[in-house]
């Protein structure tokens, strides 16, 4: 998955997950910089 895809998924997850750090960890396991 590209970095752009990671960012999109994280942004969508933030609408459901109040913990930003948790969303990043689950959807961004490769450490793609936001």
Protein backbone atom coordinates (compact mmCIF):
# COMPACT_ATOMS: atom_id res chain seq x y z
CA UNK A 1 0.00 0.00 0.00
CA UNK A 2 1.31 3.45 -0.91
CA UNK A 3 1.80 6.23 1.62
CA UNK A 4 -1.13 8.08 0.05
CA UNK A 5 -3.34 5.06 0.71
CA UNK A 6 -2.15 4.92 4.32
CA UNK A 7 -3.07 8.55 4.86
CA UNK A 8 -6.51 8.08 3.31
CA UNK A 9 -7.25 5.04 5.48
CA UNK A 10 -6.08 6.81 8.63
CA UNK A 11 -8.21 9.87 7.89
CA UNK A 12 -11.27 7.66 7.38
CA UNK A 13 -10.51 5.73 10.56
CA UNK A 14 -10.26 8.97 12.57
CA UNK A 15 -13.97 9.46 11.96
CA UNK A 16 -14.59 6.23 13.88
CA UNK A 17 -11.57 5.92 16.16
CA UNK A 18 -11.06 8.74 18.69
CA UNK A 19 -7.52 7.60 19.44
CA UNK A 20 -5.37 8.94 16.60
CA UNK A 21 -2.32 6.97 17.74
CA UNK A 22 -4.30 3.71 17.74
CA UNK A 23 -5.58 4.34 14.21
CA UNK A 24 -2.08 5.05 12.95
CA UNK A 25 -0.68 1.89 14.55
CA UNK A 26 -3.40 -0.34 13.10
CA UNK A 27 -3.57 1.17 9.60
CA UNK A 28 0.03 2.25 9.22
CA UNK A 29 2.17 -0.71 10.39
CA UNK A 30 5.05 0.13 8.04
CA UNK A 31 5.53 3.53 9.65
CA UNK A 32 4.58 5.50 6.54
CA UNK A 33 5.04 9.20 7.42
CA UNK A 34 1.82 11.20 7.50
